[in-house]
Protein backbone atom coordinates (compact mmCIF):
# COMPACT_ATOMS: atom_id res chain seq x y z
CA MET A 1 0.00 0.00 0.00
CA THR A 2 1.40 3.42 -0.97
CA THR A 3 1.61 6.34 1.41
CA LEU A 4 -1.01 8.15 -0.66
CA GLU A 5 -3.43 5.24 -0.45
CA SER A 6 -2.91 4.72 3.28
CA THR A 7 -3.48 8.42 3.92
CA ARG A 8 -6.72 8.57 1.98
CA GLU A 9 -8.13 5.58 3.85
CA LEU A 10 -8.05 7.58 7.09
CA SER A 11 -11.11 9.75 7.66
CA PRO A 12 -10.70 13.09 9.42
CA ALA A 13 -12.26 11.53 12.52
CA THR A 14 -9.66 8.75 12.75
CA ARG A 15 -6.60 10.69 11.57
CA PRO A 16 -4.21 11.61 14.43
CA TRP A 17 -4.69 15.25 15.36
CA ARG A 18 -0.96 15.94 15.09
CA ARG A 19 -1.03 14.91 11.43
CA THR A 20 -3.95 17.21 10.83
CA VAL A 21 -2.13 20.11 12.47
CA ARG A 22 0.99 19.41 10.40
CA ALA A 23 -1.14 19.31 7.26
CA TYR A 24 -2.70 22.70 7.93
CA VAL A 25 0.67 24.20 8.80
CA ALA A 26 2.00 22.82 5.50
CA LEU A 27 -0.82 24.61 3.66
CA THR A 28 0.72 27.92 4.71
CA LYS A 29 4.11 27.08 3.08
CA PRO A 30 6.24 27.98 6.12
CA ARG A 31 9.53 28.15 4.18
CA ILE A 32 8.11 30.83 1.89
CA ILE A 33 6.85 32.74 4.93
CA GLU A 34 10.39 32.73 6.34
CA LEU A 35 11.69 34.38 3.17
CA LEU A 36 8.96 37.02 3.27
CA LEU A 37 9.78 37.89 6.86
CA VAL A 38 13.44 38.33 5.90
CA THR A 39 12.34 41.32 3.83
CA THR A 40 10.01 42.75 6.49
CA VAL A 41 12.13 43.21 9.62
CA PRO A 42 15.15 44.92 7.99
CA VAL A 43 12.87 47.50 6.39
CA MET A 44 11.48 48.24 9.85
CA PHE A 45 15.03 48.92 11.07
CA LEU A 46 15.60 51.28 8.16
CA ALA A 47 12.29 53.07 8.70
CA GLN A 48 13.07 53.49 12.40
CA ARG A 49 16.68 54.52 11.69
CA GLY A 50 17.54 52.12 14.48
CA VAL A 51 15.81 49.34 16.41
CA PRO A 52 12.00 49.45 16.45
CA SER A 53 10.20 48.35 19.58
CA ILE A 54 10.35 44.58 20.00
CA SER A 55 6.60 44.46 20.50
CA LEU A 56 5.99 46.20 17.17
CA ILE A 57 8.34 43.81 15.40
CA LEU A 58 6.60 40.76 16.90
CA LEU A 59 3.11 42.10 16.18
CA THR A 60 4.07 42.83 12.57
CA LEU A 61 5.68 39.41 12.13
CA VAL A 62 2.64 37.60 13.48
CA GLY A 63 0.30 39.57 11.24
CA GLY A 64 2.57 39.08 8.23
CA SER A 65 2.81 35.34 8.88
CA LEU A 66 -0.97 35.01 9.09
CA SER A 67 -1.34 37.01 5.89
CA ALA A 68 1.23 34.98 3.94
CA GLY A 69 -0.25 31.77 5.29
CA ALA A 70 -3.69 32.78 4.05
CA ALA A 71 -2.40 33.61 0.56
CA ASN A 72 -0.47 30.35 0.31
CA THR A 73 -3.47 28.31 1.47
CA PHE A 74 -5.73 29.92 -1.13
CA ASN A 75 -3.04 29.06 -3.70
CA MET A 76 -2.99 25.39 -2.67
CA VAL A 77 -6.78 25.13 -2.77
CA TYR A 78 -7.01 26.48 -6.31
CA ASP A 79 -3.94 24.63 -7.61
CA ARG A 80 -4.68 21.23 -6.11
CA ASP A 81 -5.45 19.78 -9.55
CA ILE A 82 -2.11 20.72 -11.08
CA ASP A 83 -0.25 19.97 -7.85
CA ALA A 84 -1.34 16.35 -8.26
CA GLN A 85 0.38 16.21 -11.66
CA MET A 86 3.73 17.59 -10.54
CA GLY A 87 6.37 15.56 -8.73
CA ARG A 88 7.49 18.58 -6.73
CA THR A 89 4.01 19.17 -5.29
CA GLN A 90 2.29 15.79 -5.29
CA ASN A 91 2.80 15.38 -1.53
CA ARG A 92 0.98 18.57 -0.60
CA PRO A 93 -1.88 18.06 1.91
CA LEU A 94 -4.74 18.63 -0.52
CA VAL A 95 -3.28 16.09 -2.94
CA THR A 96 -2.61 13.39 -0.36
CA GLY A 97 -5.94 13.89 1.38
CA GLU A 98 -4.40 15.04 4.66
CA ALA A 99 -6.65 18.11 4.41
CA SER A 100 -9.93 18.71 2.60
CA ALA A 101 -10.50 21.49 0.09
CA ARG A 102 -13.46 22.79 2.09
CA GLY A 103 -11.48 22.78 5.33
CA ALA A 104 -8.51 24.48 3.68
CA LEU A 105 -10.72 27.17 2.14
CA ILE A 106 -12.30 27.94 5.50
CA PHE A 107 -8.83 27.98 7.04
CA ALA A 108 -7.65 30.48 4.41
CA PHE A 109 -10.57 32.85 5.04
CA VAL A 110 -10.05 32.62 8.81
CA LEU A 111 -6.35 33.44 8.41
CA THR A 112 -7.25 36.38 6.17
CA ALA A 113 -9.68 37.77 8.74
CA LEU A 114 -7.22 37.23 11.59
CA ALA A 115 -4.33 38.84 9.71
CA THR A 116 -6.36 41.89 8.72
CA ALA A 117 -7.88 42.39 12.18
CA TRP A 118 -4.55 41.78 13.91
CA LEU A 119 -2.65 44.33 11.85
CA TRP A 120 -5.51 46.84 11.86
CA LEU A 121 -5.94 46.80 15.64
CA LEU A 122 -2.40 46.15 16.83
CA VAL A 123 -0.20 47.79 14.16
CA ASN A 124 -2.12 50.25 11.97
CA PRO A 125 -4.86 50.24 9.30
CA LEU A 126 -2.45 51.00 6.44
CA SER A 127 -0.40 47.87 7.17
CA ALA A 128 -3.62 45.86 7.39
CA MET A 129 -4.82 47.06 3.99
CA LEU A 130 -1.43 46.39 2.38
CA SER A 131 -1.54 42.89 3.86
CA LEU A 132 -5.03 42.30 2.48
CA ALA A 133 -3.91 43.58 -0.92
CA ALA A 134 -1.03 41.09 -0.89
CA ILE A 135 -3.43 38.21 -0.25
CA VAL A 136 -5.71 39.29 -3.10
CA LEU A 137 -2.79 39.81 -5.49
CA TYR A 138 -1.39 36.34 -4.84
CA ALA A 139 -4.62 34.40 -4.58
CA VAL A 140 -6.48 36.11 -7.42
CA LEU A 141 -4.09 37.94 -9.76
CA TYR A 142 -1.33 35.33 -9.76
CA THR A 143 -3.02 32.03 -8.88
CA MET A 144 -6.40 32.39 -10.58
CA ILE A 145 -5.71 34.76 -13.48
CA LEU A 146 -2.06 34.75 -14.56
CA LYS A 147 -0.45 31.43 -13.62
CA ARG A 148 -2.23 29.24 -16.18
CA ARG A 149 -2.56 31.87 -18.90
CA THR A 150 0.76 33.63 -19.51
CA SER A 151 4.48 33.03 -19.31
CA GLN A 152 4.74 36.41 -17.57
CA ASN A 153 2.77 35.00 -14.64
CA ILE A 154 5.57 35.21 -12.11
CA VAL A 155 6.56 38.72 -13.19
CA TRP A 156 3.27 40.44 -12.39
CA GLY A 157 2.04 37.85 -9.94
CA GLY A 158 5.23 38.37 -8.00
CA ILE A 159 3.99 41.78 -6.87
CA ALA A 160 2.39 40.06 -3.89
CA GLY A 161 5.81 38.94 -2.70
CA CYS A 162 7.04 42.54 -2.77
CA MET A 163 4.42 43.78 -0.33
CA PRO A 164 6.31 42.90 2.91
CA THR A 165 8.71 45.77 2.18
CA LEU A 166 5.79 48.21 2.22
CA ILE A 167 4.19 46.55 5.22
CA GLY A 168 7.42 46.70 7.23
CA TRP A 169 7.86 50.39 6.46
CA SER A 170 4.23 51.31 7.11
CA ALA A 171 4.25 49.43 10.42
CA VAL A 172 6.86 51.89 11.72
CA THR A 173 5.92 55.12 9.94
CA ASN A 174 2.22 54.62 9.07
CA SER A 175 3.17 55.71 5.55
CA VAL A 176 4.80 54.46 2.35
CA GLU A 177 7.90 56.39 1.29
CA TRP A 178 10.58 56.14 -1.39
CA PRO A 179 13.02 53.80 0.41
CA ALA A 180 10.23 51.25 0.83
CA ILE A 181 9.21 51.65 -2.82
CA ILE A 182 12.79 51.10 -3.99
CA LEU A 183 13.09 47.91 -1.94
CA PHE A 184 9.68 46.87 -3.30
CA LEU A 185 11.13 47.25 -6.81
CA VAL A 186 14.27 45.30 -5.85
CA ILE A 187 12.09 42.31 -4.90
CA PHE A 188 9.94 42.85 -8.01
CA PHE A 189 12.98 42.58 -10.30
CA TRP A 190 14.47 39.79 -8.16
CA THR A 191 11.45 37.49 -8.46
CA PRO A 192 11.89 36.40 -12.11
CA PRO A 193 15.61 35.50 -11.85
CA HIS A 194 14.80 33.78 -8.57
CA TYR A 195 11.87 31.72 -9.85
CA TRP A 196 12.77 31.03 -13.48
CA PRO A 197 15.83 28.91 -12.58
CA LEU A 198 13.53 26.81 -10.40
CA SER A 199 11.13 26.58 -13.34
CA ILE A 200 13.99 25.38 -15.53
CA GLY A 201 14.72 22.64 -13.03
CA PHE A 202 11.08 21.53 -13.01
CA ALA A 203 10.14 22.42 -16.59
CA ASP A 204 8.86 18.90 -17.31
CA ASP A 205 6.54 19.11 -14.32
CA TYR A 206 5.12 22.45 -15.42
CA ALA A 207 4.71 21.21 -18.98
CA ALA A 208 2.83 18.12 -17.80
CA ALA A 209 0.52 20.28 -15.71
CA GLY A 210 -0.07 22.72 -18.58
CA VAL A 211 1.42 25.71 -16.75
CA PRO A 212 3.12 28.06 -19.27
CA MET A 213 6.15 29.00 -17.22
CA LEU A 214 8.70 30.83 -19.36
CA PRO A 215 11.17 27.88 -19.57
CA VAL A 216 8.31 25.72 -20.87
CA VAL A 217 7.29 27.97 -23.75
CA ARG A 218 10.55 29.71 -24.70
CA GLN A 219 14.03 28.56 -25.71
CA MET A 220 16.62 28.35 -22.98
CA THR A 221 18.69 31.21 -24.41
CA THR A 222 15.63 33.47 -24.30
CA VAL A 223 14.98 32.55 -20.68
CA ALA A 224 18.62 33.07 -19.73
CA ARG A 225 18.75 36.48 -21.46
CA GLN A 226 15.70 37.62 -19.52
CA ILE A 227 17.25 36.34 -16.29
CA VAL A 228 20.38 38.38 -17.01
CA ALA A 229 18.34 41.48 -17.86
CA TYR A 230 16.25 41.31 -14.69
CA SER A 231 19.37 40.62 -12.62
CA TRP A 232 21.10 43.76 -13.86
CA VAL A 233 18.02 45.93 -13.28
CA MET A 234 17.61 44.43 -9.81
CA VAL A 235 21.19 45.23 -8.80
CA LEU A 236 21.06 48.75 -10.23
CA THR A 237 17.77 49.38 -8.43
CA SER A 238 19.32 48.24 -5.16
CA LEU A 239 22.03 50.89 -5.61
CA VAL A 240 19.44 53.64 -5.95
CA LEU A 241 18.67 53.14 -2.26
CA ILE A 242 22.12 54.49 -1.33
CA PRO A 243 21.42 58.18 -2.09
CA VAL A 244 17.68 58.01 -1.43
CA ALA A 245 17.98 56.56 2.09
CA ASP A 246 21.46 57.91 2.85
CA MET A 247 22.88 54.40 3.24
CA GLY A 248 26.38 53.82 4.58
CA TRP A 249 29.25 51.46 3.74
CA VAL A 250 27.67 48.32 5.21
CA TYR A 251 24.79 48.43 2.75
CA VAL A 252 27.04 49.52 -0.12
CA VAL A 253 29.33 46.52 0.39
CA ALA A 254 26.39 44.13 0.76
CA ALA A 255 24.63 45.44 -2.35
CA VAL A 256 27.69 45.59 -4.59
CA ALA A 257 29.30 42.30 -3.54
CA SER A 258 26.16 40.16 -3.50
CA GLY A 259 24.85 41.87 -6.64
CA ALA A 260 28.09 41.20 -8.54
CA LEU A 261 27.93 37.50 -7.62
CA PHE A 262 24.29 37.33 -8.66
CA VAL A 263 24.94 38.91 -12.07
CA ALA A 264 28.00 36.69 -12.62
CA GLU A 265 25.94 33.56 -11.94
CA ALA A 266 23.19 34.78 -14.29
CA HIS A 267 25.77 35.34 -17.05
CA ARG A 268 27.19 31.85 -16.42
CA LEU A 269 23.74 30.40 -17.04
CA LEU A 270 23.41 32.41 -20.25
CA ALA A 271 26.84 31.31 -21.49
CA VAL A 272 25.94 27.66 -20.97
CA ALA A 273 22.59 28.14 -22.70
CA LYS A 274 24.27 29.81 -25.68
CA ARG A 275 26.42 26.70 -26.13
CA GLY A 276 23.22 24.76 -26.68
CA GLU A 277 23.46 22.82 -23.44
CA THR A 278 20.08 21.72 -22.09
CA LYS A 279 21.06 19.06 -19.56
CA GLN A 280 20.29 20.00 -15.97
CA SER A 281 23.69 18.70 -14.88
CA VAL A 282 25.37 21.23 -17.16
CA LEU A 283 22.97 24.16 -16.85
CA LYS A 284 22.80 23.85 -13.05
CA PRO A 285 19.90 26.34 -12.80
CA MET A 286 19.38 25.57 -9.13
CA ARG A 287 22.73 27.21 -8.36
CA LEU A 288 21.20 30.57 -9.22
CA PHE A 289 17.94 29.72 -7.46
CA HIS A 290 19.72 28.93 -4.20
CA PHE A 291 22.05 31.91 -4.47
CA SER A 292 19.09 34.20 -5.10
CA ILE A 293 17.90 33.40 -1.58
CA THR A 294 21.38 34.11 -0.24
CA TYR A 295 21.39 37.40 -2.15
CA VAL A 296 18.16 38.62 -0.58
CA THR A 297 19.37 37.58 2.86
CA LEU A 298 22.67 39.43 2.49
CA LEU A 299 21.13 42.53 0.93
CA PHE A 300 18.44 42.90 3.58
CA LEU A 301 20.92 42.12 6.32
CA GLY A 302 22.75 45.17 5.03
CA VAL A 303 19.46 47.10 5.12
CA ALA A 304 19.05 46.18 8.79
CA ILE A 305 22.62 46.66 10.02
CA ASP A 306 23.46 49.85 8.12
CA PRO A 307 20.99 52.10 9.99
CA LEU A 308 22.35 50.89 13.31
CA LEU A 309 25.82 52.13 12.39
CA HIS A 310 24.98 54.96 10.05
CA PHE A 311 22.30 56.63 12.13
CA ALA A 312 22.67 55.34 15.68
CA LEU A 313 26.50 55.23 15.63
CA PRO A 314 27.51 57.76 12.93
CA GLY A 315 31.16 57.55 13.86
CA LEU A 316 31.30 53.95 12.62
CA ALA A 317 29.41 54.53 9.37
């Protein structure tokens, strides 16, 4: 008996409650939430020009986690048919039967209500509305409208993933200002060269599920050229923050060094694609995917640390 079969034979009444809890936690895609929070807290440090209150940070993180969890759950409910056709996603709770579509949908709406109320009452209304907008953008614009219709799905659908930069800033200042917008754009331009290498690695899965990711419908050289183009724009955009937010040497080093490595890896992928190589073992697209996460971590670490030195301890900046 396969794991899938054994799981589906258990009714919700007989399934161990710990498995049910794990299934609903999995619906929220915790690893993606972690990445979103990496872009929230550093922006709060920059907006504060120092360390925000710990209570505000925790309240914002809880609200942001609930919001991201809601959006990801809506995504899993709508995509459960194609998730069943893809090796990368066939063990998700709605495919295995660990959670029901009805239960997951209710869970998503509850998380949405909790996130909005939490941020509205405990942070501020602007952060709550930005959070709600992020849920709608991901669940509706990306998941329901763009993902199955256009190869540019991740470009415009990725706007939802940029919202934590605005939420982090608004949580501290109750406004949205240019530094937050610039970091929003950095994540916007980062999303395609982050996600397209993953799509290259799982192109067969996406093709089987009928999802027109760019590596499925375009030649590899075309995909690689677009990755290079977005990478350059992303790095240049990150440098705009230096004069706009009066950033110091910590951020400059983080942005230039990590950006140079990112662009170099993107050009490596293009060079391999131009040679006509299509084997995963030669292309190694996941190298860029994994480094893209490192890039965001390093860049936003610079965003967080720089204000502490540049504004709180100007003598060290």
